[in-house]
Amino acid sequence: MASQQLDFRDYPINMNERGGRKWVYAKKPSGKWFTRRTIVSWFLLLFWLAVPFIKINGNPLILLDIANRKFIIFGAIFWAQDTFILALLMLSFVLFVVLFTVTYGRLWCGWTCPQTIFLEMVFRKIEYLIEGDYRERHKLDNSPWTTKKIVKKTLKHIIFIVISLAMTNVFLMWFIGADRWLQMISEPIGKNLSGFLIMLVVSGFFYWVYSFFREQICTMVCPYGRMQGVLLDSKSIAVTYDYVRGEPRGGRGSGDCTDCKQCISVCPTGIDIRNGSQLECINCTACIDQCNKIMHVTGKAPGLIRYASEAQIKGQHTSVWTTRTKAYTVVLLLIFSFFVYTLASRPEIETTILRKPGLLYQEQEATISNVYNIKIVNKTHEELPLELRVISHDGKIQMAGNTMSVKDQDMYESTFILFLPKSEIKSDKTEVEFGVFSSNELIETYRATFVGP
């Protein structure tokens, strides 16, 4: 492929020859692809804002309660005991990302990545509104500090701080729930001082990222751009410059590229898409829209920059369904099917019974007793009345409470004492089996150790 910029890989695109930061002043994008991305972004932003307030059977649609090891995903609750199912879900997601990247390139980065959505669809739009397009912003940044500049910069950064605070609070609701968040903000700050300080730190980080660090998250921090080097091949779909049609460029030859450099001016990471696949390219389609405008003005067909594979540019291949993508798809479907089966077939309750740490057995006239802790997780959407019995021995259970009942999607914790006749104790450690009953129906069994003399 012909290229007129042979040194574009000698140093990072967002650094100058002296190693200093080179700010990217991206031109305000517009066009049908940008409109499509905007619609997708507003849908995802609305989903992100609404999730904490949407409830299914009284539970949030999604809750990532790491502190209590309780996760709710689309109404289905997962506890610490469901780690295996969550691992399957994460593995399915990773394989989906790999498959999608192999087939369609970095569509995630340009269309659904939170970093891109917040930066391009929220913060940059506010910047365009207050400071103007790329030439106006460049001129403003390099001008002396006048009253007009101070007002614009102050207004912009105040709005950025407010949005950063709002972002942190919405994300917080994903982890603690909307009800708990509403309770916290109604209480004095001193009652939740540590949480308040963490919120300020996270908000400060968001503000710094979207005000100053910006596209460097994609070009210097995120590993995904570097991963695409081993995931993409000549048949992967990506935003691509048609060098067969475009070269030689500049309007002096037969190529359609006029070398206007508008694709560079509109790129949010400042690259030249004509140099081929680059880790900084997030497939945002801004260059497609801008190039199509130039093609329209010059009377040439659109699509000089478009979604295509290297093989399609060369006219060698038209289908994305290669042996590798088929293999990824089969593995993904198998793992996801196993995940669905495991989720559907998991038991109604999850019981854990452990001897109370630090306590030995107690000896009475005719019996030996051990103290146990019991934890029962209800994974159904019904309240379950429960009863615990010992089914392997002729023993007696004394609960630390009158009734056992677990609310839907809730957890029951208590303590009980197990008494076994001395005649049934044959060694210092005896395995006993408990049965958990609901309405006289055995729904789960659990084995534990009973210690004696």
Protein backbone atom coordinates (compact mmCIF):
# COMPACT_ATOMS: atom_id res chain seq x y z
CA MET A 1 0.00 0.00 0.00
CA ALA A 2 1.37 3.38 -0.92
CA SER A 3 1.89 5.84 1.90
CA GLN A 4 3.16 9.39 1.98
CA GLN A 5 3.77 9.39 5.76
CA LEU A 6 6.54 6.88 6.33
CA ASP A 7 7.44 8.02 9.86
CA PHE A 8 3.99 7.77 11.47
CA ARG A 9 5.15 4.89 13.70
CA ASP A 10 8.36 6.54 14.93
CA TYR A 11 6.63 8.03 17.99
CA PRO A 12 3.16 7.92 19.62
CA ILE A 13 0.55 9.82 17.66
CA ASN A 14 -0.33 12.04 20.64
CA MET A 15 3.27 13.07 21.35
CA ASN A 16 5.44 15.53 19.46
CA GLU A 17 9.05 15.07 18.37
CA ARG A 18 10.26 16.38 21.76
CA GLY A 19 8.18 13.88 23.73
CA GLY A 20 5.60 16.40 24.90
CA ARG A 21 1.82 16.02 24.83
CA LYS A 22 0.28 16.88 21.48
CA TRP A 23 -3.34 17.86 22.01
CA VAL A 24 -5.85 16.48 19.54
CA TYR A 25 -8.32 19.09 18.32
CA ALA A 26 -10.85 16.91 16.54
CA LYS A 27 -13.26 18.49 14.13
CA LYS A 28 -16.93 18.17 15.07
CA PRO A 29 -18.18 15.07 13.25
CA SER A 30 -21.43 14.85 11.34
CA GLY A 31 -23.04 12.49 8.85
CA LYS A 32 -25.20 9.39 8.74
CA TRP A 33 -22.70 7.19 10.59
CA PHE A 34 -22.32 9.74 13.36
CA THR A 35 -26.12 9.98 13.62
CA ARG A 36 -26.33 6.21 13.99
CA ARG A 37 -23.65 6.24 16.68
CA THR A 38 -25.46 9.04 18.49
CA ILE A 39 -28.70 7.04 18.56
CA VAL A 40 -26.88 3.97 19.89
CA SER A 41 -25.04 6.08 22.48
CA TRP A 42 -28.18 7.78 23.80
CA PHE A 43 -29.87 4.39 24.06
CA LEU A 44 -26.93 3.01 26.07
CA LEU A 45 -26.77 6.13 28.26
CA LEU A 46 -30.49 5.83 28.97
CA PHE A 47 -30.03 2.17 29.85
CA TRP A 48 -27.11 3.03 32.14
CA LEU A 49 -29.17 5.67 33.95
CA ALA A 50 -32.34 3.56 34.20
CA VAL A 51 -30.87 0.23 35.35
CA PRO A 52 -30.61 1.08 39.08
CA PHE A 53 -34.29 2.09 39.15
CA ILE A 54 -35.72 -0.86 37.18
CA LYS A 55 -36.83 -3.73 39.41
CA ILE A 56 -37.90 -7.31 38.72
CA ASN A 57 -39.79 -9.03 41.56
CA GLY A 58 -38.60 -6.30 43.90
CA ASN A 59 -34.91 -6.68 42.93
CA PRO A 60 -32.82 -4.32 40.78
CA LEU A 61 -32.38 -5.28 37.14
CA ILE A 62 -28.61 -5.34 37.70
CA LEU A 63 -26.78 -5.12 41.04
CA LEU A 64 -23.06 -5.76 41.58
CA ASP A 65 -22.93 -5.86 45.39
CA ILE A 66 -19.30 -6.90 45.81
CA ALA A 67 -19.24 -6.16 49.56
CA ASN A 68 -22.02 -8.68 50.27
CA ARG A 69 -21.00 -10.99 47.41
CA LYS A 70 -24.43 -10.68 45.86
CA PHE A 71 -24.89 -10.14 42.15
CA ILE A 72 -28.16 -9.65 40.29
CA ILE A 73 -28.06 -9.85 36.50
CA PHE A 74 -31.34 -9.20 34.68
CA GLY A 75 -33.33 -10.21 37.75
CA ALA A 76 -31.44 -13.48 38.43
CA ILE A 77 -29.57 -13.42 41.73
CA PHE A 78 -26.09 -14.90 42.11
CA TRP A 79 -24.41 -15.44 45.46
CA ALA A 80 -20.83 -16.37 46.33
CA GLN A 81 -21.87 -20.01 45.97
CA ASP A 82 -22.65 -19.34 42.29
CA THR A 83 -19.07 -18.40 41.40
CA PHE A 84 -18.89 -21.23 38.87
CA ILE A 85 -21.93 -19.89 36.99
CA LEU A 86 -20.54 -16.34 37.04
CA ALA A 87 -17.21 -17.65 35.72
CA LEU A 88 -19.06 -19.27 32.82
CA LEU A 89 -20.81 -16.00 32.11
CA MET A 90 -17.52 -14.08 32.10
CA LEU A 91 -15.86 -16.71 29.89
CA SER A 92 -18.76 -16.47 27.44
CA PHE A 93 -18.39 -12.68 27.41
CA VAL A 94 -14.63 -12.86 26.74
CA LEU A 95 -15.13 -15.32 23.89
CA PHE A 96 -17.87 -13.11 22.49
CA VAL A 97 -15.47 -10.14 22.48
CA VAL A 98 -12.81 -12.24 20.74
CA LEU A 99 -15.26 -13.57 18.15
CA PHE A 100 -16.74 -10.14 17.53
CA THR A 101 -13.30 -8.55 17.15
CA VAL A 102 -12.10 -11.24 14.77
CA THR A 103 -15.19 -10.73 12.62
CA TYR A 104 -16.06 -7.03 12.90
CA GLY A 105 -12.92 -5.41 14.26
CA ARG A 106 -13.09 -2.78 17.03
CA LEU A 107 -16.78 -2.08 16.76
CA TRP A 108 -16.95 -2.19 20.58
CA CYS A 109 -14.49 0.70 20.90
CA GLY A 110 -16.26 3.08 18.59
CA TRP A 111 -19.87 2.26 19.36
CA THR A 112 -20.37 0.88 22.88
CA CYS A 113 -17.25 1.46 25.01
CA PRO A 114 -18.16 3.72 27.99
CA GLN A 115 -14.95 5.72 27.52
CA THR A 116 -15.88 6.58 23.93
CA ILE A 117 -19.54 7.26 24.69
CA PHE A 118 -18.86 9.61 27.59
CA LEU A 119 -15.98 11.41 25.88
CA GLU A 120 -17.47 11.79 22.39
CA MET A 121 -21.19 11.97 23.13
CA VAL A 122 -21.19 13.92 26.41
CA PHE A 123 -18.00 15.84 27.21
CA ARG A 124 -16.93 16.76 23.67
CA LYS A 125 -20.46 17.89 22.75
CA ILE A 126 -20.44 20.25 25.72
CA GLU A 127 -17.02 21.47 24.63
CA TYR A 128 -18.23 22.08 21.08
CA LEU A 129 -21.23 23.98 22.46
CA ILE A 130 -19.18 26.27 24.71
CA GLU A 131 -15.84 26.67 22.91
CA GLY A 132 -16.77 25.98 19.28
CA ASP A 133 -15.27 23.68 16.66
CA TYR A 134 -11.66 22.55 16.41
CA ARG A 135 -10.15 25.75 14.97
CA GLU A 136 -11.95 27.91 17.54
CA ARG A 137 -10.83 25.69 20.39
CA HIS A 138 -7.22 25.66 19.19
CA LYS A 139 -7.26 29.44 18.90
CA LEU A 140 -8.87 29.81 22.34
CA ASP A 141 -6.31 27.56 24.04
CA ASN A 142 -3.41 29.47 22.52
CA SER A 143 -4.81 32.94 23.17
CA PRO A 144 -4.07 35.10 26.28
CA TRP A 145 -6.35 34.84 29.31
CA THR A 146 -9.09 37.32 28.55
CA THR A 147 -12.44 37.61 30.33
CA LYS A 148 -14.12 35.69 27.51
CA LYS A 149 -11.63 32.84 27.80
CA ILE A 150 -11.93 32.67 31.60
CA VAL A 151 -15.74 32.57 31.40
CA LYS A 152 -15.76 29.82 28.78
CA LYS A 153 -13.15 27.68 30.52
CA THR A 154 -14.75 28.12 33.94
CA LEU A 155 -18.22 27.26 32.65
CA LYS A 156 -16.94 24.21 30.80
CA HIS A 157 -15.04 22.80 33.75
CA ILE A 158 -17.88 23.44 36.21
CA ILE A 159 -20.19 21.43 33.95
CA PHE A 160 -17.51 18.73 33.61
CA ILE A 161 -17.23 18.49 37.42
CA VAL A 162 -21.00 18.24 37.83
CA ILE A 163 -21.21 15.48 35.19
CA SER A 164 -18.31 13.62 36.83
CA LEU A 165 -20.09 13.72 40.19
CA ALA A 166 -23.31 12.50 38.57
CA MET A 167 -21.45 9.67 36.80
CA THR A 168 -19.91 8.48 40.06
CA ASN A 169 -23.28 8.44 41.82
CA VAL A 170 -24.96 6.49 39.02
CA PHE A 171 -22.14 3.93 39.02
CA LEU A 172 -22.46 3.76 42.81
CA MET A 173 -26.11 2.78 42.44
CA TRP A 174 -25.04 -0.14 40.24
CA PHE A 175 -23.05 -1.46 43.22
CA ILE A 176 -25.28 -0.62 46.21
CA GLY A 177 -28.73 -0.17 44.65
CA ALA A 178 -30.90 2.92 44.22
CA ASP A 179 -32.70 2.44 47.57
CA ARG A 180 -29.45 2.39 49.54
CA TRP A 181 -28.12 5.37 47.57
CA LEU A 182 -31.25 7.42 48.31
CA GLN A 183 -30.88 6.53 51.97
CA MET A 184 -27.21 7.57 52.02
CA ILE A 185 -27.76 10.98 50.44
CA SER A 186 -30.56 11.69 52.93
CA GLU A 187 -28.23 11.01 55.88
CA PRO A 188 -25.59 13.38 57.30
CA ILE A 189 -22.24 13.22 55.47
CA GLY A 190 -20.49 12.25 58.69
CA LYS A 191 -22.45 9.00 58.83
CA ASN A 192 -21.00 7.90 55.48
CA LEU A 193 -17.77 9.90 55.49
CA SER A 194 -15.55 7.19 53.98
CA GLY A 195 -18.02 6.56 51.17
CA PHE A 196 -18.32 10.30 50.54
CA LEU A 197 -14.54 10.68 50.28
CA ILE A 198 -14.31 7.71 47.89
CA MET A 199 -17.03 9.29 45.77
CA LEU A 200 -15.05 12.54 45.57
CA VAL A 201 -11.84 10.69 44.60
CA VAL A 202 -13.59 8.69 41.87
CA SER A 203 -15.33 11.83 40.60
CA GLY A 204 -11.98 13.60 40.50
CA PHE A 205 -10.56 10.73 38.47
CA PHE A 206 -13.44 10.92 35.97
CA TYR A 207 -13.00 14.69 35.71
CA TRP A 208 -9.26 14.33 35.06
CA VAL A 209 -9.77 11.60 32.43
CA TYR A 210 -12.41 13.45 30.42
CA SER A 211 -10.95 16.93 30.82
CA PHE A 212 -7.24 16.26 30.32
CA PHE A 213 -6.19 12.63 29.70
CA ARG A 214 -8.94 11.96 27.14
CA GLU A 215 -8.01 9.84 24.11
CA GLN A 216 -4.80 8.66 25.80
CA ILE A 217 -6.94 6.10 27.66
CA CYS A 218 -7.48 4.44 24.26
CA THR A 219 -4.02 5.00 22.80
CA MET A 220 -1.80 4.43 25.85
CA VAL A 221 -3.74 2.65 28.63
CA CYS A 222 -6.37 0.30 27.21
CA PRO A 223 -4.85 -3.05 26.14
CA TYR A 224 -7.63 -3.80 23.69
CA GLY A 225 -6.03 -1.82 20.85
CA ARG A 226 -2.85 -3.86 21.21
CA MET A 227 -4.81 -7.12 21.41
CA GLN A 228 -6.34 -6.51 18.00
CA GLY A 229 -2.95 -7.17 16.44
CA VAL A 230 -3.34 -10.86 17.24
CA LEU A 231 -7.12 -10.97 16.78
CA LEU A 232 -7.54 -9.30 13.39
CA ASP A 233 -6.65 -10.87 10.09
CA SER A 234 -7.10 -9.92 6.45
CA LYS A 235 -10.75 -11.00 6.55
CA SER A 236 -11.75 -8.96 9.61
CA ILE A 237 -14.16 -6.08 9.03
CA ALA A 238 -12.87 -2.67 10.14
CA VAL A 239 -12.89 0.99 9.11
CA THR A 240 -10.55 0.79 6.14
CA TYR A 241 -9.13 3.10 3.48
CA ASP A 242 -9.54 1.73 -0.05
CA TYR A 243 -5.97 2.32 -1.22
CA VAL A 244 -6.61 0.41 -4.46
CA ARG A 245 -9.14 3.04 -5.44
CA GLY A 246 -7.57 6.02 -3.65
CA GLU A 247 -3.92 5.84 -4.75
CA PRO A 248 -2.09 7.70 -6.11
CA ARG A 249 -3.61 10.50 -4.09
CA GLY A 250 -3.60 14.24 -4.47
CA GLY A 251 -5.76 14.71 -7.55
CA ARG A 252 -2.75 14.50 -9.90
CA GLY A 253 -3.19 10.84 -10.74
CA SER A 254 -6.02 8.38 -11.20
CA GLY A 255 -6.66 7.91 -7.46
CA ASP A 256 -9.84 9.21 -5.86
CA CYS A 257 -8.12 10.50 -2.69
CA THR A 258 -7.66 14.27 -2.94
CA ASP A 259 -5.24 14.32 0.01
CA CYS A 260 -7.45 16.93 1.72
CA LYS A 261 -6.56 15.47 5.14
CA GLN A 262 -10.14 15.94 6.37
CA CYS A 263 -10.11 12.33 7.64
CA ILE A 264 -7.23 13.33 9.93
CA SER A 265 -8.84 16.54 11.17
CA VAL A 266 -12.02 14.73 12.30
CA CYS A 267 -10.27 11.75 13.94
CA PRO A 268 -10.64 11.85 17.77
CA THR A 269 -7.25 10.15 18.20
CA GLY A 270 -5.49 12.17 15.48
CA ILE A 271 -4.40 9.32 13.18
CA ASP A 272 -4.29 9.06 9.40
CA ILE A 273 -6.55 6.14 8.48
CA ARG A 274 -4.77 5.93 5.12
CA ASN A 275 -1.76 4.40 6.89
CA GLY A 276 -3.72 1.21 7.45
CA SER A 277 -4.77 -0.62 10.62
CA GLN A 278 -3.49 1.18 13.73
CA LEU A 279 -3.97 0.52 17.43
CA GLU A 280 -5.21 4.11 17.95
CA CYS A 281 -8.15 3.63 15.56
CA ILE A 282 -11.36 3.07 17.53
CA ASN A 283 -13.56 2.52 14.45
CA CYS A 284 -15.69 5.55 15.29
CA THR A 285 -16.61 6.12 11.58
CA ALA A 286 -15.97 9.90 11.77
CA CYS A 287 -13.52 9.61 8.87
CA ILE A 288 -16.11 7.71 6.79
CA ASP A 289 -18.62 10.56 7.09
CA GLN A 290 -16.03 13.24 6.39
CA CYS A 291 -14.57 11.44 3.37
CA ASN A 292 -18.02 10.80 1.93
CA LYS A 293 -18.69 14.56 2.06
CA ILE A 294 -15.51 15.23 0.06
CA MET A 295 -16.43 12.51 -2.41
CA HIS A 296 -19.84 14.13 -2.86
CA VAL A 297 -18.28 17.56 -3.48
CA THR A 298 -15.81 16.16 -6.02
CA GLY A 299 -18.48 14.10 -7.76
CA LYS A 300 -16.95 10.74 -6.88
CA ALA A 301 -18.59 7.65 -5.43
CA PRO A 302 -18.73 7.42 -1.61
CA GLY A 303 -17.01 4.64 0.29
CA LEU A 304 -13.35 5.49 -0.24
CA ILE A 305 -13.17 4.94 3.52
CA ARG A 306 -15.69 2.33 4.65
CA TYR A 307 -16.29 -0.80 6.69
CA ALA A 308 -14.38 -3.48 4.80
CA SER A 309 -11.68 -6.12 5.20
CA GLU A 310 -8.23 -6.10 3.66
CA ALA A 311 -9.27 -9.04 1.50
CA GLN A 312 -12.34 -7.16 0.28
CA ILE A 313 -10.22 -4.15 -0.66
CA LYS A 314 -8.06 -6.47 -2.77
CA GLY A 315 -11.14 -8.17 -4.20
CA GLN A 316 -10.05 -11.55 -2.83
CA HIS A 317 -12.72 -12.36 -0.27
CA THR A 318 -16.23 -11.20 0.51
CA SER A 319 -17.44 -13.37 3.38
CA VAL A 320 -16.50 -12.87 7.04
CA TRP A 321 -17.30 -16.51 7.87
CA THR A 322 -13.86 -18.11 7.94
CA THR A 323 -12.88 -21.37 9.63
CA ARG A 324 -11.67 -19.42 12.67
CA THR A 325 -14.88 -17.43 13.13
CA LYS A 326 -16.95 -20.60 12.78
CA ALA A 327 -14.83 -22.32 15.43
CA TYR A 328 -15.19 -19.35 17.80
CA THR A 329 -18.95 -19.36 17.25
CA VAL A 330 -19.30 -23.07 18.04
CA VAL A 331 -17.24 -22.78 21.23
CA LEU A 332 -19.17 -19.67 22.30
CA LEU A 333 -22.56 -21.33 21.74
CA LEU A 334 -21.47 -24.44 23.66
CA ILE A 335 -20.25 -22.45 26.66
CA PHE A 336 -23.27 -20.16 26.67
CA SER A 337 -25.63 -23.17 26.39
CA PHE A 338 -23.88 -24.80 29.33
CA PHE A 339 -24.24 -21.54 31.26
CA VAL A 340 -28.00 -21.43 30.57
CA TYR A 341 -28.38 -25.09 31.55
CA THR A 342 -26.41 -24.58 34.78
CA LEU A 343 -28.48 -21.52 35.64
CA ALA A 344 -31.78 -23.29 34.94
CA SER A 345 -30.85 -26.45 36.84
CA ARG A 346 -29.29 -24.90 39.93
CA PRO A 347 -30.98 -25.88 43.22
CA GLU A 348 -33.73 -23.76 44.75
CA ILE A 349 -31.66 -23.14 47.85
CA GLU A 350 -27.97 -23.23 48.72
CA THR A 351 -27.14 -24.48 52.21
CA THR A 352 -23.88 -24.19 54.13
CA ILE A 353 -23.48 -25.81 57.58
CA LEU A 354 -20.18 -25.47 59.45
CA ARG A 355 -19.17 -26.20 63.00
CA LYS A 356 -18.81 -23.02 65.03
CA PRO A 357 -15.08 -22.21 65.11
CA GLY A 358 -13.31 -22.29 68.44
CA LEU A 359 -15.86 -24.54 70.19
CA LEU A 360 -15.37 -28.18 71.12
CA TYR A 361 -18.09 -30.70 71.86
CA GLN A 362 -20.20 -30.54 75.02
CA GLU A 363 -20.87 -33.74 76.96
CA GLN A 364 -24.15 -34.39 78.79
CA GLU A 365 -25.34 -37.51 80.63
CA ALA A 366 -26.53 -39.40 77.57
CA THR A 367 -25.67 -37.13 74.67
CA ILE A 368 -22.86 -35.22 73.01
CA SER A 369 -23.56 -31.83 71.41
CA ASN A 370 -21.91 -29.66 68.74
CA VAL A 371 -22.73 -26.07 67.81
CA TYR A 372 -23.11 -25.20 64.10
CA ASN A 373 -23.57 -22.11 61.96
CA ILE A 374 -26.08 -22.43 59.15
CA LYS A 375 -26.53 -20.23 56.07
CA ILE A 376 -29.31 -20.79 53.55
CA VAL A 377 -29.66 -18.80 50.32
CA ASN A 378 -33.09 -18.74 48.69
CA LYS A 379 -32.71 -18.54 44.90
CA THR A 380 -36.42 -18.64 44.15
CA HIS A 381 -38.94 -15.81 43.96
CA GLU A 382 -41.05 -17.29 46.77
CA GLU A 383 -40.76 -17.16 50.54
CA LEU A 384 -39.81 -20.62 51.80
CA PRO A 385 -40.76 -22.00 55.26
CA LEU A 386 -37.95 -24.39 56.15
CA GLU A 387 -37.17 -27.09 58.69
CA LEU A 388 -33.78 -28.63 59.45
CA ARG A 389 -33.55 -32.31 60.41
CA VAL A 390 -30.70 -34.73 60.97
CA ILE A 391 -31.40 -37.72 58.70
CA SER A 392 -28.33 -39.90 59.23
CA HIS A 393 -28.58 -40.36 63.01
CA ASP A 394 -31.15 -40.43 65.77
CA GLY A 395 -30.33 -36.91 66.91
CA LYS A 396 -32.07 -33.76 68.02
CA ILE A 397 -31.63 -30.21 66.68
CA GLN A 398 -32.17 -27.14 68.80
CA MET A 399 -32.36 -23.96 66.68
CA ALA A 400 -31.47 -20.51 67.97
CA GLY A 401 -34.95 -19.31 67.03
CA ASN A 402 -38.50 -20.53 66.76
CA THR A 403 -38.97 -20.59 62.98
CA MET A 404 -36.89 -20.92 59.83
CA SER A 405 -38.15 -18.87 56.92
CA VAL A 406 -36.24 -17.36 54.01
CA LYS A 407 -37.70 -14.54 51.96
CA ASP A 408 -37.46 -14.67 48.18
CA GLN A 409 -33.95 -13.98 46.84
CA ASP A 410 -32.74 -13.58 50.43
CA MET A 411 -30.39 -15.28 52.87
CA TYR A 412 -31.04 -16.90 56.28
CA GLU A 413 -28.27 -17.17 58.87
CA SER A 414 -28.53 -18.73 62.33
CA THR A 415 -26.95 -21.08 64.85
CA PHE A 416 -28.14 -24.45 66.11
CA ILE A 417 -27.05 -27.23 68.46
CA LEU A 418 -27.03 -30.89 67.41
CA PHE A 419 -27.43 -33.51 70.15
CA LEU A 420 -26.43 -37.10 69.35
CA PRO A 421 -26.73 -40.10 71.70
CA LYS A 422 -23.39 -41.32 73.02
CA SER A 423 -24.22 -44.77 71.66
CA GLU A 424 -24.02 -43.42 68.07
CA ILE A 425 -20.60 -41.81 68.53
CA LYS A 426 -18.05 -44.35 67.28
CA SER A 427 -15.00 -42.08 66.78
CA ASP A 428 -13.72 -38.59 67.49
CA LYS A 429 -15.11 -37.47 64.10
CA THR A 430 -18.46 -38.60 62.78
CA GLU A 431 -20.03 -37.58 59.49
CA VAL A 432 -23.65 -36.49 59.85
CA GLU A 433 -26.15 -35.68 57.14
CA PHE A 434 -28.70 -32.92 57.47
CA GLY A 435 -31.88 -32.51 55.46
CA VAL A 436 -33.53 -29.19 54.67
CA PHE A 437 -37.30 -29.62 54.32
CA SER A 438 -39.98 -27.27 53.03
CA SER A 439 -43.60 -28.30 53.71
CA ASN A 440 -42.31 -31.78 54.63
CA GLU A 441 -40.55 -32.10 51.27
CA LEU A 442 -36.80 -32.72 51.25
CA ILE A 443 -35.23 -30.09 49.00
CA GLU A 444 -31.53 -30.33 49.91
CA THR A 445 -29.07 -32.37 51.96
CA TYR A 446 -25.77 -31.34 53.50
CA ARG A 447 -22.97 -33.32 55.19
CA ALA A 448 -20.91 -31.99 58.09
CA THR A 449 -18.53 -33.32 60.73
CA PHE A 450 -19.55 -34.04 64.34
CA VAL A 451 -16.71 -34.23 66.88
CA GLY A 452 -16.80 -36.22 70.06
CA PRO A 453 -14.57 -37.84 72.66
